Each structure stands twice: as structure tokens, then as C-alpha cells.
Amino acid sequence: MTESERRALTSDQFYSSGGDCPTWLHPLTVGYCAGLKLVSYIVFFLLPVWALWRAHIIAVFPGWWRAPLIASLLVAETSLLQVFFIDGREMIKVCRRLWGRPRA
């Protein structure tokens, strides 16, 4: 495939700046990105939180393994919470940029 053919194929998919993107396409792409972000939050945060909650329920039963299990759950919860807040902060930056006025 030549360079001009490759440019012709990708010219409608990607824009070098927000000003090049048609106004009707901007809300669609932002909505698509928001939908993908929502799905990623479900997969990367909601499912692990559910799994940790189930592990907490199991840890209620007495036994010698209860203390190490609870300690590992606290480490996992702390890590998950840290990533959640860092990702949320970055998501706010991206949303401000995406929902802002397209630049030329």
C-alpha cells in the first residue's frame, strides 16, 4: 500500500487537531470515549471491588488463615483505591479537554 492510499484510508478516521474534526462528529466521538471509559471503570474497578467484597464475606469465618487474608485484602483495597483516584483525576483532565471547544 502506498503512502497516499494509506492517507486516504485514515483521513476520515483521525484528525490532526480538533478544528479539523467536523462539528457533528465531535459529540459522537466524545460520547464514544465516555462510553468506553464507563465500561473500563466497570471492568477495572467494579468487578475487583465485588471480588474483594466476596473475599471479605469468606474471611468472616474463623480460622488460622483469617489474619493473612484480611491483611492481603487491605493491601489490595488500598492499591485499588489509589489507582481509582489517580485515574479519576486524569479522567477529569481528559473530559475538560474533550468537552472544550475544538481548537484549530
Protein backbone atom coordinates (compact mmCIF):
# COMPACT_ATOMS: atom_id res chain seq x y z
CA MET A 1 0.00 0.00 0.00
CA THR A 2 1.38 3.37 -0.98
CA GLU A 3 1.59 6.36 1.32
CA SER A 4 -1.23 8.20 -0.49
CA GLU A 5 -3.53 5.17 -0.23
CA ARG A 6 -2.82 4.89 3.49
CA ARG A 7 -3.56 8.60 3.98
CA ALA A 8 -6.82 8.26 2.06
CA LEU A 9 -7.92 5.39 4.30
CA THR A 10 -7.11 7.19 7.54
CA SER A 11 -8.12 10.72 6.57
CA ASP A 12 -11.72 10.22 7.73
CA GLN A 13 -10.75 8.43 10.94
CA PHE A 14 -8.20 10.71 12.58
CA TYR A 15 -7.72 14.47 12.65
CA SER A 16 -4.54 16.30 13.49
CA SER A 17 -6.42 18.90 15.53
CA GLY A 18 -9.90 19.49 16.95
CA GLY A 19 -10.53 22.20 14.37
CA ASP A 20 -10.24 19.66 11.56
CA CYS A 21 -12.94 17.43 13.07
CA PRO A 22 -16.47 18.11 11.74
CA THR A 23 -18.81 19.62 14.32
CA TRP A 24 -21.31 16.76 14.01
CA LEU A 25 -18.59 14.19 14.70
CA HIS A 26 -17.20 15.81 17.85
CA PRO A 27 -20.12 14.90 20.19
CA LEU A 28 -20.21 11.37 18.78
CA THR A 29 -16.53 10.74 19.40
CA VAL A 30 -16.68 12.27 22.88
CA GLY A 31 -19.74 10.15 23.71
CA TYR A 32 -17.97 7.06 22.38
CA CYS A 33 -14.92 7.81 24.55
CA ALA A 34 -17.17 8.35 27.58
CA GLY A 35 -18.89 5.02 26.93
CA LEU A 36 -15.57 3.23 26.70
CA LYS A 37 -14.45 4.88 29.93
CA LEU A 38 -17.61 3.72 31.67
CA VAL A 39 -17.05 0.15 30.51
CA SER A 40 -13.42 0.31 31.64
CA TYR A 41 -14.49 1.53 35.09
CA ILE A 42 -16.85 -1.43 35.40
CA VAL A 43 -14.18 -3.91 34.35
CA PHE A 44 -11.23 -2.44 36.22
CA PHE A 45 -12.93 -1.22 39.40
CA LEU A 46 -16.43 -2.61 39.94
CA LEU A 47 -15.56 -6.25 39.29
CA PRO A 48 -12.47 -6.21 41.56
CA VAL A 49 -14.46 -4.46 44.31
CA TRP A 50 -17.09 -7.18 44.03
CA ALA A 51 -14.39 -9.88 44.25
CA LEU A 52 -12.86 -8.20 47.31
CA TRP A 53 -16.28 -7.97 48.94
CA ARG A 54 -16.81 -11.69 48.36
CA ALA A 55 -13.40 -12.37 49.90
CA HIS A 56 -14.39 -10.30 52.95
CA ILE A 57 -17.50 -12.43 53.33
CA ILE A 58 -15.36 -15.57 53.27
CA ALA A 59 -12.96 -14.02 55.83
CA VAL A 60 -15.77 -13.76 58.41
CA PHE A 61 -15.39 -17.46 59.17
CA PRO A 62 -12.87 -18.26 61.93
CA GLY A 63 -9.61 -19.96 61.16
CA TRP A 64 -5.86 -19.50 61.23
CA TRP A 65 -5.88 -18.07 57.68
CA ARG A 66 -8.19 -15.17 58.55
CA ALA A 67 -5.49 -12.63 59.56
CA PRO A 68 -3.29 -13.05 56.45
CA LEU A 69 -6.37 -12.95 54.24
CA ILE A 70 -7.61 -9.71 55.79
CA ALA A 71 -4.12 -8.18 55.54
CA SER A 72 -3.88 -9.04 51.84
CA LEU A 73 -7.40 -7.68 51.26
CA LEU A 74 -6.41 -4.36 52.85
CA VAL A 75 -3.35 -4.12 50.61
CA ALA A 76 -5.49 -4.88 47.54
CA GLU A 77 -8.15 -2.36 48.55
CA THR A 78 -5.55 0.34 49.16
CA SER A 79 -3.96 -0.25 45.76
CA LEU A 80 -7.32 -0.28 44.01
CA LEU A 81 -8.37 2.93 45.74
CA GLN A 82 -5.12 4.66 44.78
CA VAL A 83 -5.48 3.71 41.12
CA PHE A 84 -9.15 4.75 41.18
CA PHE A 85 -8.32 8.26 42.41
CA ILE A 86 -5.36 8.72 40.06
CA ASP A 87 -7.44 7.55 37.10
CA GLY A 88 -10.31 9.80 38.16
CA ARG A 89 -8.03 12.83 38.29
CA GLU A 90 -6.70 12.07 34.81
CA MET A 91 -10.22 11.43 33.52
CA ILE A 92 -11.28 14.90 34.68
CA LYS A 93 -8.40 16.45 32.72
CA VAL A 94 -9.31 14.48 29.60
CA CYS A 95 -13.02 15.32 29.88
CA ARG A 96 -12.26 19.02 30.19
CA ARG A 97 -10.14 18.82 27.07
CA LEU A 98 -12.63 16.72 25.09
CA TRP A 99 -15.73 18.73 26.01
CA GLY A 100 -13.94 22.02 25.47
CA ARG A 101 -14.21 24.00 22.30
CA PRO A 102 -12.35 22.33 19.40
CA ARG A 103 -9.10 24.08 18.59
CA ALA A 104 -7.98 24.94 15.11
